[in-house]
C-alpha atoms as a PDB file:
ATOM      1  CA  UNK A   1     119.179  33.242 101.440  1.00  0.00           C
ATOM      2  CA  UNK A   2     119.373  35.130 104.614  1.00  0.00           C
ATOM      3  CA  UNK A   3     116.631  35.318 107.120  1.00  0.00           C
ATOM      4  CA  UNK A   4     114.165  38.161 106.915  1.00  0.00           C
ATOM      5  CA  UNK A   5     114.715  40.831 109.758  1.00  0.00           C
ATOM      6  CA  UNK A   6     112.150  41.659 112.342  1.00  0.00           C
ATOM      7  CA  UNK A   7     111.820  45.249 110.392  1.00  0.00           C
ATOM      8  CA  UNK A   8     110.913  43.559 107.091  1.00  0.00           C
ATOM      9  CA  UNK A   9     108.771  41.060 108.844  1.00  0.00           C
ATOM     10  CA  UNK A  10     106.560  43.729 110.763  1.00  0.00           C
ATOM     11  CA  UNK A  11     106.878  45.700 107.397  1.00  0.00           C
ATOM     12  CA  UNK A  12     104.808  42.662 105.430  1.00  0.00           C
ATOM     13  CA  UNK A  13     102.621  41.860 108.520  1.00  0.00           C
ATOM     14  CA  UNK A  14     101.496  45.427 108.456  1.00  0.00           C
ATOM     15  CA  UNK A  15     101.313  46.521 104.909  1.00  0.00           C
ATOM     16  CA  UNK A  16      98.691  48.925 103.702  1.00  0.00           C
ATOM     17  CA  UNK A  17      95.441  47.383 103.347  1.00  0.00           C
ATOM     18  CA  UNK A  18      95.574  45.314 106.484  1.00  0.00           C
ATOM     19  CA  UNK A  19      92.974  46.002 109.317  1.00  0.00           C
ATOM     20  CA  UNK A  20      94.686  48.854 111.808  1.00  0.00           C
ATOM     21  CA  UNK A  21      96.213  47.194 115.039  1.00  0.00           C
ATOM     22  CA  UNK A  22      96.819  49.084 118.324  1.00  0.00           C
ATOM     23  CA  UNK A  23     100.517  50.287 118.780  1.00  0.00           C
ATOM     24  CA  UNK A  24     100.266  47.722 121.997  1.00  0.00           C
ATOM     25  CA  UNK A  25      99.487  44.536 119.703  1.00  0.00           C
ATOM     26  CA  UNK A  26     102.070  45.955 117.071  1.00  0.00           C
ATOM     27  CA  UNK A  27     105.081  46.254 120.018  1.00  0.00           C
ATOM     28  CA  UNK A  28     104.147  42.736 120.843  1.00  0.00           C
ATOM     29  CA  UNK A  29     104.526  41.599 117.473  1.00  0.00           C
ATOM     30  CA  UNK A  30     107.780  43.060 116.674  1.00  0.00           C
ATOM     31  CA  UNK A  31     108.963  41.881 120.905  1.00  0.00           C
ATOM     32  CA  UNK A  32     108.395  38.241 120.301  1.00  0.00           C
ATOM     33  CA  UNK A  33     110.015  38.532 116.888  1.00  0.00           C
ATOM     34  CA  UNK A  34     113.064  40.029 118.676  1.00  0.00           C
ATOM     35  CA  UNK A  35     113.006  37.411 120.856  1.00  0.00           C
ATOM     36  CA  UNK A  36     112.760  34.531 118.194  1.00  0.00           C
ATOM     37  CA  UNK A  37     114.995  35.801 115.860  1.00  0.00           C
ATOM     38  CA  UNK A  38     117.857  37.770 117.999  1.00  0.00           C
ATOM     39  CA  UNK A  39     117.472  35.449 120.836  1.00  0.00           C
ATOM     40  CA  UNK A  40     116.739  38.630 123.349  1.00  0.00           C
ATOM     41  CA  UNK A  41     114.060  38.836 126.006  1.00  0.00           C
ATOM     42  CA  UNK A  42     112.414  42.278 126.233  1.00  0.00           C
ATOM     43  CA  UNK A  43     110.487  43.424 129.085  1.00  0.00           C
ATOM     44  CA  UNK A  44     106.887  43.717 129.215  1.00  0.00           C
ATOM     45  CA  UNK A  45     105.897  47.442 129.314  1.00  0.00           C
ATOM     46  CA  UNK A  46     102.263  47.170 130.092  1.00  0.00           C
ATOM     47  CA  UNK A  47     100.959  46.824 133.594  1.00  0.00           C
ATOM     48  CA  UNK A  48      99.261  43.698 134.649  1.00  0.00           C
ATOM     49  CA  UNK A  49      95.512  43.206 133.936  1.00  0.00           C
ATOM     50  CA  UNK A  50      95.357  46.061 131.635  1.00  0.00           C
ATOM     51  CA  UNK A  51      94.051  45.786 128.240  1.00  0.00           C
ATOM     52  CA  UNK A  52      97.222  47.234 126.625  1.00  0.00           C
ATOM     53  CA  UNK A  53      99.006  44.169 128.225  1.00  0.00           C
ATOM     54  CA  UNK A  54      96.271  42.037 126.707  1.00  0.00           C
ATOM     55  CA  UNK A  55      96.809  43.666 123.344  1.00  0.00           C
ATOM     56  CA  UNK A  56     100.301  43.044 123.552  1.00  0.00           C
ATOM     57  CA  UNK A  57     100.114  39.262 124.316  1.00  0.00           C
ATOM     58  CA  UNK A  58      97.785  38.795 121.653  1.00  0.00           C
ATOM     59  CA  UNK A  59     100.599  40.486 118.999  1.00  0.00           C
ATOM     60  CA  UNK A  60     102.835  37.320 120.609  1.00  0.00           C
ATOM     61  CA  UNK A  61     100.588  34.867 118.722  1.00  0.00           C
ATOM     62  CA  UNK A  62     100.779  36.625 115.457  1.00  0.00           C
ATOM     63  CA  UNK A  63     104.638  36.625 116.038  1.00  0.00           C
ATOM     64  CA  UNK A  64     104.681  32.808 116.727  1.00  0.00           C
ATOM     65  CA  UNK A  65     102.494  32.427 113.722  1.00  0.00           C
ATOM     66  CA  UNK A  66     105.229  34.245 111.865  1.00  0.00           C
ATOM     67  CA  UNK A  67     107.847  32.532 113.182  1.00  0.00           C
ATOM     68  CA  UNK A  68     106.250  29.572 112.218  1.00  0.00           C
ATOM     69  CA  UNK A  69     105.768  30.173 108.641  1.00  0.00           C
ATOM     70  CA  UNK A  70     109.253  30.745 108.401  1.00  0.00           C
ATOM     71  CA  UNK A  71     110.774  27.251 109.600  1.00  0.00           C
ATOM     72  CA  UNK A  72     111.660  24.685 107.181  1.00  0.00           C
ATOM     73  CA  UNK A  73     108.956  22.022 106.454  1.00  0.00           C
ATOM     74  CA  UNK A  74     110.232  18.645 108.331  1.00  0.00           C
ATOM     75  CA  UNK A  75     111.543  16.225 105.810  1.00  0.00           C
END
């Protein structure tokens, strides 16, 4: 079984019916999933001490939860 792609995980995470999230939040989820799955560190696109950066970082938290849920249970 192959691992899901970032696009597949994003589509599942933000499927219709979910409470809307900001573009900055979604970008944070996306960028952290890219980091976890593809090993790429993308630059943080928002200024320090901005609401956009806070939303972006909150997206990282969700991406980490998604990533942890994909990991096999230790035996």
